[in-house]
Amino acid sequence: MKVSILYLYYDFMNLYGDNGNVRIMEKRLKDQGFEVEVIRKTVTDDEIDFDGVDLIYCGSGTESRRFAAVKHLKRFEDGFKKAVAEGTPVLFTGNAWGMLGKSITSLDGEKTEGLGLFDFNVREEIKQRFTGDSVESAEGFGQQFIGFINKCDVIEDFDGYMFKVEKTIGQVPFAKDGVRKDNLYGISLIGPVLVKNPFFAEHLVWLIDERHGVNYREEHYEYEERGYRITLKALTE
C-alpha cells in the first residue's frame, strides 16, 4: 500500500534541519509496510494538490521566508483547509504554525494575511528573540514534549493553545504554546522534533495506519527512545 507525505516549502522552511521530521516519518511508515512517496512543494510551484495526501508537513524558516511561504500557501487555502477538515494529519513546527492564524505583522509594520484556521494574530518582536530549551505537556499525551525554541513571535488575542510549557531553560517567557485542530498540530519546537519525541512520531504513524484501516505494527526505536529519556531527565532535574 502506498502513502504520501506532502512536504511544504522544503527549501524555504528548513532552517534547523527540519527535514529530519520527514525522513523519520518516511522510515517509520516503511517499517509499517507502506511504500512512501514524498511530494515536495515550494513557492515556485503553481499547483499544490492536497487530495489523498496522508501527511502534510512544514518546518521553520526565517521571518522573510515565512512571509513568502504564507503568501504562496494562501493561493491554495481552500484545498489545505479541506484536508484539515477531513482529518489529514498535519504538522507545522517552529515559526511555521504562525501561518495558521489570522495575520502576521512584520518588524516594519507590514501585515500579511494568514490562513485563518485559528483566531490569533502574530506580531514579530523587535527587542529580542525567544530562545531556549522547553518541556511541554498536552492533554491526550502521556509523555512530555522536549525541544528547542528560537523565535521572535508574539501571539496576540488568543487563548486556544494546546501545549502547556512546564519548564524552560533560556529566554522563553510564555507559558502556553502551539495549537491543535482535528489531526493538525502546530508547535514552536524546532528541528527534528519527531526524532527527539518518538512517541509523537508514533502517534502520527498510528493516525495514518488508522485512516488506511491498517493495524499498527509496534516497533521499537531504541536510540531515539533512549535519547528522549536522557534529554528529558537532563531538562527536568
Protein backbone atom coordinates (compact mmCIF):
# COMPACT_ATOMS: atom_id res chain seq x y z
CA MET A 1 0.00 0.00 0.00
CA LYS A 2 1.26 3.48 -0.90
CA VAL A 3 1.16 6.58 1.29
CA SER A 4 2.33 10.12 0.57
CA ILE A 5 3.95 12.89 2.60
CA LEU A 6 3.43 16.43 1.33
CA TYR A 7 6.49 18.43 2.37
CA LEU A 8 5.67 22.13 2.06
CA TYR A 9 8.49 24.62 1.40
CA TYR A 10 11.23 22.03 1.85
CA ASP A 11 13.83 24.57 0.74
CA PHE A 12 12.44 27.77 2.33
CA MET A 13 11.28 26.32 5.65
CA ASN A 14 14.13 24.04 6.69
CA LEU A 15 16.20 26.36 8.86
CA TYR A 16 17.11 23.93 11.64
CA GLY A 17 17.29 20.59 9.87
CA ASP A 18 13.51 20.25 9.98
CA ASN A 19 13.70 17.78 7.08
CA GLY A 20 14.64 15.20 9.71
CA ASN A 21 10.94 15.05 10.57
CA VAL A 22 10.07 13.95 7.05
CA ARG A 23 12.91 11.45 6.95
CA ILE A 24 11.90 9.83 10.25
CA MET A 25 8.26 9.58 9.17
CA GLU A 26 9.33 8.05 5.88
CA LYS A 27 11.37 5.43 7.77
CA ARG A 28 8.63 4.65 10.27
CA LEU A 29 5.94 4.33 7.61
CA LYS A 30 8.14 1.97 5.62
CA ASP A 31 8.53 -0.09 8.79
CA GLN A 32 4.73 -0.34 8.83
CA GLY A 33 4.89 -1.93 5.38
CA PHE A 34 3.92 1.12 3.33
CA GLU A 35 5.50 2.33 0.12
CA VAL A 36 6.20 6.01 0.80
CA GLU A 37 6.19 8.91 -1.64
CA VAL A 38 7.49 12.34 -0.54
CA ILE A 39 5.98 15.20 -2.54
CA ARG A 40 7.96 18.44 -2.24
CA LYS A 41 6.35 21.80 -2.98
CA THR A 42 7.74 25.33 -2.74
CA VAL A 43 6.99 28.94 -3.71
CA THR A 44 7.75 28.39 -7.40
CA ASP A 45 5.06 25.72 -7.78
CA ASP A 46 1.82 26.69 -9.48
CA GLU A 47 -0.17 23.77 -8.08
CA ILE A 48 -0.48 22.01 -4.73
CA ASP A 49 -2.84 19.05 -4.58
CA PHE A 50 -3.88 18.07 -1.05
CA ASP A 51 -6.32 15.34 -2.08
CA GLY A 52 -5.27 11.87 -1.00
CA VAL A 53 -2.22 13.08 0.91
CA ASP A 54 -1.51 11.15 4.13
CA LEU A 55 0.66 13.68 5.99
CA ILE A 56 1.35 17.39 5.47
CA TYR A 57 4.49 18.89 6.99
CA CYS A 58 6.02 22.38 7.15
CA GLY A 59 9.10 23.37 9.15
CA SER A 60 10.80 26.55 10.34
CA GLY A 61 12.14 29.41 8.27
CA THR A 62 13.49 32.91 8.59
CA GLU A 63 10.85 35.58 9.09
CA SER A 64 11.17 36.82 5.49
CA ARG A 65 10.85 33.31 4.09
CA ARG A 66 7.81 32.63 6.22
CA PHE A 67 6.12 35.66 4.64
CA ALA A 68 6.88 34.23 1.19
CA ALA A 69 5.56 30.82 2.22
CA VAL A 70 2.27 32.05 3.70
CA LYS A 71 1.58 34.32 0.73
CA HIS A 72 2.07 31.34 -1.59
CA LEU A 73 0.05 28.92 0.54
CA LYS A 74 -2.87 31.37 0.66
CA ARG A 75 -3.39 30.62 -3.03
CA PHE A 76 -4.23 27.03 -2.07
CA GLU A 77 -6.07 27.82 1.15
CA ASP A 78 -9.30 26.03 0.26
CA GLY A 79 -7.54 22.75 -0.53
CA PHE A 80 -5.47 22.94 2.63
CA LYS A 81 -8.48 23.64 4.84
CA LYS A 82 -10.41 20.83 3.21
CA ALA A 83 -7.59 18.40 4.01
CA VAL A 84 -7.56 19.56 7.64
CA ALA A 85 -11.34 19.21 7.91
CA GLU A 86 -11.14 15.68 6.52
CA GLY A 87 -8.69 14.70 9.26
CA THR A 88 -5.46 14.57 7.30
CA PRO A 89 -2.52 14.52 9.76
CA VAL A 90 -0.69 17.87 9.58
CA LEU A 91 2.39 19.09 11.46
CA PHE A 92 3.75 22.66 11.44
CA THR A 93 6.84 23.16 13.60
CA GLY A 94 8.84 26.22 14.71
CA ASN A 95 7.51 29.52 13.45
CA ALA A 96 5.50 27.80 10.69
CA TRP A 97 2.42 27.45 12.87
CA GLY A 98 2.17 31.24 12.96
CA MET A 99 0.91 30.99 9.39
CA LEU A 100 -2.23 29.24 10.65
CA GLY A 101 -3.65 32.35 12.32
CA LYS A 102 -5.37 35.47 11.02
CA SER A 103 -2.34 37.63 10.30
CA ILE A 104 1.41 38.18 10.73
CA THR A 105 2.80 41.68 11.27
CA SER A 106 6.47 42.18 10.46
CA LEU A 107 9.02 44.32 12.29
CA ASP A 108 8.42 47.20 9.86
CA GLY A 109 4.66 47.02 10.32
CA GLU A 110 3.73 45.13 7.17
CA LYS A 111 0.66 42.97 7.82
CA THR A 112 0.18 39.74 5.89
CA GLU A 113 -2.99 37.67 5.98
CA GLY A 114 -2.65 34.17 7.43
CA LEU A 115 -4.59 31.01 6.66
CA GLY A 116 -7.26 31.79 9.24
CA LEU A 117 -7.59 28.35 10.81
CA PHE A 118 -7.15 29.87 14.27
CA ASP A 119 -8.25 33.13 15.81
CA PHE A 120 -4.87 34.69 16.64
CA ASN A 121 -2.55 37.33 15.25
CA VAL A 122 1.24 37.17 15.14
CA ARG A 123 3.49 40.16 15.76
CA GLU A 124 7.22 39.97 15.29
CA GLU A 125 9.09 41.28 18.33
CA ILE A 126 11.80 43.83 17.62
CA LYS A 127 13.51 43.87 21.03
CA GLN A 128 14.56 40.24 21.47
CA ARG A 129 14.37 36.67 20.28
CA PHE A 130 12.96 33.94 22.49
CA THR A 131 15.43 31.07 22.68
CA GLY A 132 15.86 28.10 24.98
CA ASP A 133 15.04 24.51 25.78
CA SER A 134 11.41 23.75 26.52
CA VAL A 135 9.48 20.95 28.20
CA GLU A 136 5.79 20.94 27.31
CA SER A 137 2.73 18.83 28.02
CA ALA A 138 -0.58 18.36 26.23
CA GLU A 139 -3.89 16.72 27.01
CA GLY A 140 -4.11 13.26 25.47
CA PHE A 141 -0.39 12.60 25.53
CA GLY A 142 1.12 10.72 28.45
CA GLN A 143 4.65 11.91 27.75
CA GLN A 144 6.16 15.39 27.75
CA PHE A 145 7.42 17.12 24.62
CA ILE A 146 11.03 18.32 24.59
CA GLY A 147 12.98 20.53 22.22
CA PHE A 148 14.49 23.92 21.48
CA ILE A 149 12.72 27.18 20.65
CA ASN A 150 14.13 30.09 18.61
CA LYS A 151 11.56 32.67 17.57
CA CYS A 152 10.66 36.34 17.72
CA ASP A 153 6.88 35.87 17.53
CA VAL A 154 4.36 37.25 19.97
CA ILE A 155 0.94 35.60 19.69
CA GLU A 156 -1.85 38.10 20.32
CA ASP A 157 -5.57 37.78 21.08
CA PHE A 158 -5.61 34.01 21.59
CA ASP A 159 -6.44 31.54 24.34
CA GLY A 160 -6.79 28.28 22.43
CA TYR A 161 -3.32 26.86 22.94
CA MET A 162 -2.73 23.11 23.01
CA PHE A 163 0.52 22.85 24.94
CA LYS A 164 1.40 23.91 28.48
CA VAL A 165 5.02 24.96 28.93
CA GLU A 166 6.17 23.06 32.03
CA LYS A 167 9.79 24.22 32.17
CA THR A 168 12.22 26.28 30.12
CA ILE A 169 15.95 26.90 30.18
CA GLY A 170 16.79 30.19 28.49
CA GLN A 171 14.71 33.15 27.32
CA VAL A 172 11.29 31.58 26.75
CA PRO A 173 8.80 33.73 28.69
CA PHE A 174 5.50 32.24 27.53
CA ALA A 175 3.56 29.62 29.49
CA LYS A 176 1.49 28.17 26.63
CA ASP A 177 2.34 27.09 23.12
CA GLY A 178 1.02 25.62 19.93
CA VAL A 179 -2.34 24.59 18.54
CA ARG A 180 -4.42 21.63 17.50
CA LYS A 181 -7.38 21.28 15.17
CA ASP A 182 -8.59 17.76 14.35
CA ASN A 183 -5.35 15.99 13.33
CA LEU A 184 -3.41 19.22 12.74
CA TYR A 185 -0.67 20.09 15.23
CA GLY A 186 1.44 23.23 15.48
CA ILE A 187 4.27 23.58 17.99
CA SER A 188 7.13 26.05 18.42
CA LEU A 189 9.83 23.39 18.86
CA ILE A 190 12.35 23.47 16.02
CA GLY A 191 14.49 20.96 14.15
CA PRO A 192 13.88 17.19 14.17
CA VAL A 193 11.03 17.31 16.69
CA LEU A 194 9.83 13.80 15.81
CA VAL A 195 13.29 12.34 16.39
CA LYS A 196 13.50 13.98 19.82
CA ASN A 197 9.91 12.95 20.69
CA PRO A 198 9.49 9.42 19.32
CA PHE A 199 6.07 8.99 20.94
CA PHE A 200 4.79 11.89 18.80
CA ALA A 201 6.10 10.29 15.61
CA GLU A 202 4.43 7.05 16.71
CA HIS A 203 1.15 8.93 17.19
CA LEU A 204 1.24 10.33 13.64
CA VAL A 205 2.05 6.90 12.23
CA TRP A 206 -0.85 5.43 14.20
CA LEU A 207 -3.19 8.06 12.73
CA ILE A 208 -2.09 7.18 9.19
CA ASP A 209 -2.49 3.45 9.88
CA GLU A 210 -5.98 4.04 11.26
CA ARG A 211 -7.04 6.10 8.26
CA HIS A 212 -5.96 3.26 5.98
CA GLY A 213 -7.60 0.57 8.11
CA VAL A 214 -4.22 -0.98 8.90
CA ASN A 215 -3.33 -2.40 12.31
CA TYR A 216 -0.43 -0.55 13.89
CA ARG A 217 2.74 -2.65 13.89
CA GLU A 218 4.58 -1.96 17.13
CA GLU A 219 8.22 -1.11 16.52
CA HIS A 220 10.94 -0.04 18.94
CA TYR A 221 13.48 2.65 18.11
CA GLU A 222 16.00 2.14 20.87
CA TYR A 223 18.33 5.05 20.19
CA GLU A 224 15.56 7.61 19.83
CA GLU A 225 13.76 6.38 22.94
CA ARG A 226 16.97 6.37 24.96
CA GLY A 227 17.87 9.85 23.72
CA TYR A 228 14.43 11.10 24.74
CA ARG A 229 14.76 9.70 28.27
CA ILE A 230 18.24 11.13 28.75
CA THR A 231 17.29 14.59 27.46
CA LEU A 232 14.06 14.74 29.47
CA LYS A 233 15.91 13.81 32.63
CA ALA A 234 18.59 16.45 31.99
CA LEU A 235 15.96 19.14 31.41
CA THR A 236 13.71 18.33 34.34
CA GLU A 237 16.13 17.53 37.17
